[in-house]
Amino acid sequence: MHLIPCPYCGQRPQDEFHYRGDATVKRPAPDAGEQAFYDYVYTRENPRGWHDEWWHHYAGCRQWIKVRRNTLTHAVAASAGPADALPEATP
C-alpha cells in the first residue's frame, strides 16, 4: 500500500484519496478561442516519471492537495496545499 503525505493529516493510505487530474494544466483566458479550450480539455500529455497531480482526501480532511507522484512506480515524493508550491527537487 502506498502512503500519501497529506499536509493536513500526515501520512495516510492512498485509498483514502481520489485522483483528480493534472495539476500542471492552466485554464486558458476567457477570450483565448475555441481551439485553446479544446486543447485544454482534450489534448493532454501522458507523462512518464514524476508528475504533479491533484488529489482529494475524501476519507479524511476532505481537502484538495497537490501531489508529486511517479507515474511508473506510484512512489510519492511530496505534497502541498492548493496554494503552496511543491518542492523543486524530486528523488
N, C-alpha and C. Protein backbone atom coordinates (compact mmCIF):
# COMPACT_ATOMS: atom_id res chain seq x y z
N MET A 1 0.84 -1.18 0.00
CA MET A 1 0.00 0.00 0.00
C MET A 1 0.89 1.24 0.00
N HIS A 2 0.55 2.18 -0.87
CA HIS A 2 1.29 3.43 -0.95
C HIS A 2 0.69 4.43 0.03
N LEU A 3 1.55 5.27 0.61
CA LEU A 3 1.11 6.31 1.51
C LEU A 3 1.26 7.67 0.83
N ILE A 4 0.33 8.56 1.11
CA ILE A 4 0.39 9.93 0.63
C ILE A 4 0.54 10.83 1.84
N PRO A 5 1.55 11.73 1.83
CA PRO A 5 1.74 12.63 2.97
C PRO A 5 0.77 13.82 2.88
N CYS A 6 -0.39 13.69 3.48
CA CYS A 6 -1.36 14.79 3.47
C CYS A 6 -0.78 15.94 4.30
N PRO A 7 -0.73 17.16 3.77
CA PRO A 7 -0.17 18.28 4.53
C PRO A 7 -1.03 18.64 5.75
N TYR A 8 -2.25 18.13 5.81
CA TYR A 8 -3.15 18.44 6.92
C TYR A 8 -3.26 17.30 7.93
N CYS A 9 -3.14 16.03 7.47
CA CYS A 9 -3.37 14.86 8.33
C CYS A 9 -2.13 14.00 8.54
N GLY A 10 -1.06 14.22 7.79
CA GLY A 10 0.12 13.37 7.88
C GLY A 10 0.01 12.21 6.89
N GLN A 11 0.86 11.20 7.07
CA GLN A 11 0.89 10.04 6.18
C GLN A 11 -0.43 9.27 6.26
N ARG A 12 -1.06 9.07 5.10
CA ARG A 12 -2.33 8.36 5.05
C ARG A 12 -2.31 7.37 3.89
N PRO A 13 -3.05 6.26 3.98
CA PRO A 13 -3.09 5.29 2.87
C PRO A 13 -3.70 5.91 1.60
N GLN A 14 -3.18 5.51 0.47
CA GLN A 14 -3.63 6.07 -0.81
C GLN A 14 -5.12 5.84 -1.05
N ASP A 15 -5.68 4.77 -0.50
CA ASP A 15 -7.10 4.50 -0.75
C ASP A 15 -8.04 5.48 -0.05
N GLU A 16 -7.51 6.41 0.75
CA GLU A 16 -8.33 7.48 1.34
C GLU A 16 -8.47 8.68 0.38
N PHE A 17 -7.77 8.63 -0.74
CA PHE A 17 -7.72 9.75 -1.68
C PHE A 17 -8.32 9.35 -3.03
N HIS A 18 -8.77 10.35 -3.76
CA HIS A 18 -9.17 10.17 -5.15
C HIS A 18 -8.28 11.04 -6.02
N TYR A 19 -7.78 10.46 -7.10
CA TYR A 19 -7.02 11.22 -8.09
C TYR A 19 -7.98 12.15 -8.82
N ARG A 20 -7.60 13.40 -9.01
CA ARG A 20 -8.50 14.37 -9.64
C ARG A 20 -7.90 15.10 -10.83
N GLY A 21 -6.71 14.72 -11.28
CA GLY A 21 -6.22 15.30 -12.53
C GLY A 21 -4.86 15.92 -12.45
N ASP A 22 -4.45 16.42 -13.59
CA ASP A 22 -3.15 17.03 -13.82
C ASP A 22 -3.10 18.41 -13.15
N ALA A 23 -2.13 18.63 -12.28
CA ALA A 23 -2.00 19.91 -11.58
C ALA A 23 -1.14 20.90 -12.34
N THR A 24 -0.66 20.53 -13.52
CA THR A 24 0.20 21.44 -14.29
C THR A 24 -0.55 22.18 -15.39
N VAL A 25 -1.77 21.77 -15.68
CA VAL A 25 -2.54 22.37 -16.77
C VAL A 25 -3.15 23.69 -16.29
N LYS A 26 -3.01 24.71 -17.10
CA LYS A 26 -3.56 26.04 -16.78
C LYS A 26 -4.75 26.33 -17.70
N ARG A 27 -5.83 26.78 -17.10
CA ARG A 27 -7.04 27.13 -17.86
C ARG A 27 -6.75 28.33 -18.76
N PRO A 28 -7.19 28.28 -20.02
CA PRO A 28 -6.97 29.42 -20.92
C PRO A 28 -7.80 30.64 -20.50
N ALA A 29 -7.40 31.79 -20.97
CA ALA A 29 -8.15 33.02 -20.72
C ALA A 29 -9.53 32.92 -21.39
N PRO A 30 -10.54 33.60 -20.87
CA PRO A 30 -11.88 33.51 -21.45
C PRO A 30 -11.95 33.86 -22.93
N ASP A 31 -11.07 34.72 -23.40
CA ASP A 31 -11.10 35.13 -24.81
C ASP A 31 -10.06 34.38 -25.65
N ALA A 32 -9.57 33.23 -25.17
CA ALA A 32 -8.49 32.50 -25.85
C ALA A 32 -8.93 31.83 -27.14
N GLY A 33 -10.21 31.59 -27.31
CA GLY A 33 -10.68 30.96 -28.53
C GLY A 33 -11.02 29.50 -28.32
N GLU A 34 -11.79 28.98 -29.28
CA GLU A 34 -12.29 27.62 -29.19
C GLU A 34 -11.18 26.57 -29.20
N GLN A 35 -10.16 26.75 -30.04
CA GLN A 35 -9.08 25.77 -30.12
C GLN A 35 -8.33 25.66 -28.79
N ALA A 36 -8.10 26.78 -28.13
CA ALA A 36 -7.40 26.76 -26.84
C ALA A 36 -8.19 25.96 -25.81
N PHE A 37 -9.51 26.12 -25.79
CA PHE A 37 -10.33 25.36 -24.84
C PHE A 37 -10.42 23.89 -25.22
N TYR A 38 -10.45 23.59 -26.50
CA TYR A 38 -10.43 22.21 -26.95
C TYR A 38 -9.14 21.52 -26.48
N ASP A 39 -8.01 22.19 -26.70
CA ASP A 39 -6.73 21.64 -26.27
C ASP A 39 -6.68 21.48 -24.75
N TYR A 40 -7.23 22.43 -24.01
CA TYR A 40 -7.25 22.38 -22.55
C TYR A 40 -8.03 21.16 -22.04
N VAL A 41 -9.12 20.84 -22.68
CA VAL A 41 -9.98 19.75 -22.23
C VAL A 41 -9.54 18.39 -22.78
N TYR A 42 -9.16 18.33 -24.06
CA TYR A 42 -8.96 17.03 -24.72
C TYR A 42 -7.53 16.67 -25.07
N THR A 43 -6.65 17.63 -25.26
CA THR A 43 -5.30 17.33 -25.71
C THR A 43 -4.35 17.38 -24.53
N ARG A 44 -3.94 16.21 -24.07
CA ARG A 44 -3.09 16.14 -22.88
C ARG A 44 -1.91 15.23 -23.12
N GLU A 45 -0.83 15.51 -22.43
CA GLU A 45 0.34 14.63 -22.41
C GLU A 45 0.03 13.47 -21.46
N ASN A 46 0.68 12.35 -21.66
CA ASN A 46 0.60 11.23 -20.75
C ASN A 46 2.02 11.00 -20.23
N PRO A 47 2.41 11.75 -19.18
CA PRO A 47 3.81 11.76 -18.77
C PRO A 47 4.26 10.45 -18.13
N ARG A 48 5.54 10.17 -18.31
CA ARG A 48 6.19 9.05 -17.63
C ARG A 48 7.14 9.65 -16.62
N GLY A 49 7.11 9.12 -15.42
CA GLY A 49 8.02 9.63 -14.39
C GLY A 49 7.30 10.57 -13.44
N TRP A 50 8.03 11.52 -12.91
CA TRP A 50 7.48 12.43 -11.89
C TRP A 50 6.51 13.42 -12.51
N HIS A 51 5.39 13.59 -11.82
CA HIS A 51 4.31 14.43 -12.33
C HIS A 51 3.53 15.04 -11.17
N ASP A 52 3.06 16.27 -11.33
CA ASP A 52 2.25 16.94 -10.30
C ASP A 52 0.77 16.72 -10.59
N GLU A 53 0.05 16.28 -9.56
CA GLU A 53 -1.36 15.89 -9.73
C GLU A 53 -2.22 16.49 -8.61
N TRP A 54 -3.51 16.63 -8.90
CA TRP A 54 -4.50 16.99 -7.88
C TRP A 54 -5.06 15.71 -7.28
N TRP A 55 -5.18 15.68 -5.96
CA TRP A 55 -5.80 14.57 -5.24
C TRP A 55 -6.77 15.17 -4.22
N HIS A 56 -7.84 14.44 -3.93
CA HIS A 56 -8.83 14.87 -2.95
C HIS A 56 -8.83 13.86 -1.80
N HIS A 57 -8.65 14.34 -0.58
CA HIS A 57 -8.62 13.46 0.60
C HIS A 57 -10.06 13.28 1.09
N TYR A 58 -10.81 12.50 0.33
CA TYR A 58 -12.25 12.35 0.58
C TYR A 58 -12.55 11.60 1.88
N ALA A 59 -11.68 10.70 2.32
CA ALA A 59 -11.95 9.89 3.51
C ALA A 59 -11.20 10.41 4.73
N GLY A 60 -10.74 11.65 4.66
CA GLY A 60 -10.00 12.24 5.77
C GLY A 60 -10.46 13.67 5.98
N CYS A 61 -9.56 14.59 5.75
CA CYS A 61 -9.84 16.02 5.99
C CYS A 61 -10.69 16.65 4.89
N ARG A 62 -10.92 15.94 3.79
CA ARG A 62 -11.72 16.39 2.65
C ARG A 62 -11.09 17.59 1.92
N GLN A 63 -9.80 17.77 2.07
CA GLN A 63 -9.08 18.86 1.41
C GLN A 63 -8.53 18.40 0.07
N TRP A 64 -8.37 19.35 -0.84
CA TRP A 64 -7.67 19.12 -2.11
C TRP A 64 -6.20 19.37 -1.86
N ILE A 65 -5.34 18.52 -2.43
CA ILE A 65 -3.89 18.70 -2.29
C ILE A 65 -3.22 18.44 -3.64
N LYS A 66 -2.02 19.01 -3.78
CA LYS A 66 -1.16 18.70 -4.93
C LYS A 66 -0.18 17.63 -4.49
N VAL A 67 0.04 16.65 -5.34
CA VAL A 67 0.94 15.54 -5.03
C VAL A 67 1.92 15.35 -6.19
N ARG A 68 3.19 15.20 -5.87
CA ARG A 68 4.18 14.84 -6.90
C ARG A 68 4.36 13.34 -6.82
N ARG A 69 3.94 12.64 -7.90
CA ARG A 69 3.92 11.18 -7.92
C ARG A 69 4.61 10.68 -9.18
N ASN A 70 5.31 9.56 -9.04
CA ASN A 70 5.96 8.92 -10.18
C ASN A 70 4.93 8.02 -10.85
N THR A 71 4.61 8.28 -12.11
CA THR A 71 3.58 7.52 -12.81
C THR A 71 4.03 6.11 -13.18
N LEU A 72 5.30 5.83 -13.08
CA LEU A 72 5.80 4.48 -13.36
C LEU A 72 5.81 3.60 -12.11
N THR A 73 6.22 4.16 -10.98
CA THR A 73 6.36 3.38 -9.75
C THR A 73 5.27 3.66 -8.73
N HIS A 74 4.52 4.72 -8.92
CA HIS A 74 3.49 5.20 -8.00
C HIS A 74 4.07 5.74 -6.69
N ALA A 75 5.37 5.91 -6.61
CA ALA A 75 6.00 6.50 -5.43
C ALA A 75 5.59 7.97 -5.32
N VAL A 76 5.41 8.44 -4.11
CA VAL A 76 5.04 9.83 -3.86
C VAL A 76 6.22 10.55 -3.24
N ALA A 77 6.64 11.67 -3.83
CA ALA A 77 7.80 12.41 -3.34
C ALA A 77 7.40 13.54 -2.41
N ALA A 78 6.26 14.18 -2.65
CA ALA A 78 5.89 15.35 -1.85
C ALA A 78 4.42 15.67 -2.05
N SER A 79 3.90 16.48 -1.14
CA SER A 79 2.54 17.00 -1.29
C SER A 79 2.51 18.40 -0.71
N ALA A 80 1.46 19.15 -1.08
CA ALA A 80 1.31 20.52 -0.61
C ALA A 80 -0.15 20.93 -0.72
N GLY A 81 -0.51 21.97 -0.01
CA GLY A 81 -1.85 22.53 -0.14
C GLY A 81 -2.01 23.18 -1.50
N PRO A 82 -3.24 23.48 -1.88
CA PRO A 82 -3.51 24.04 -3.22
C PRO A 82 -2.75 25.34 -3.53
N ALA A 83 -2.55 26.18 -2.55
CA ALA A 83 -1.87 27.46 -2.79
C ALA A 83 -0.37 27.39 -2.59
N ASP A 84 0.12 26.24 -2.13
CA ASP A 84 1.54 26.08 -1.84
C ASP A 84 2.28 25.42 -3.00
N ALA A 85 3.55 25.75 -3.12
CA ALA A 85 4.38 25.16 -4.18
C ALA A 85 4.96 23.83 -3.71
N LEU A 86 5.01 22.89 -4.62
CA LEU A 86 5.72 21.64 -4.34
C LEU A 86 7.22 21.89 -4.43
N PRO A 87 8.02 21.15 -3.68
CA PRO A 87 9.48 21.37 -3.76
C PRO A 87 9.99 21.07 -5.18
N GLU A 88 11.01 21.78 -5.58
CA GLU A 88 11.57 21.62 -6.92
C GLU A 88 12.28 20.28 -7.09
N ALA A 89 13.00 19.84 -6.05
CA ALA A 89 13.79 18.60 -6.16
C ALA A 89 12.89 17.38 -5.95
N THR A 90 13.14 16.34 -6.73
CA THR A 90 12.48 15.05 -6.54
C THR A 90 13.57 14.00 -6.41
N PRO A 91 13.27 12.91 -5.71
CA PRO A 91 14.29 11.88 -5.52
C PRO A 91 14.75 11.26 -6.82
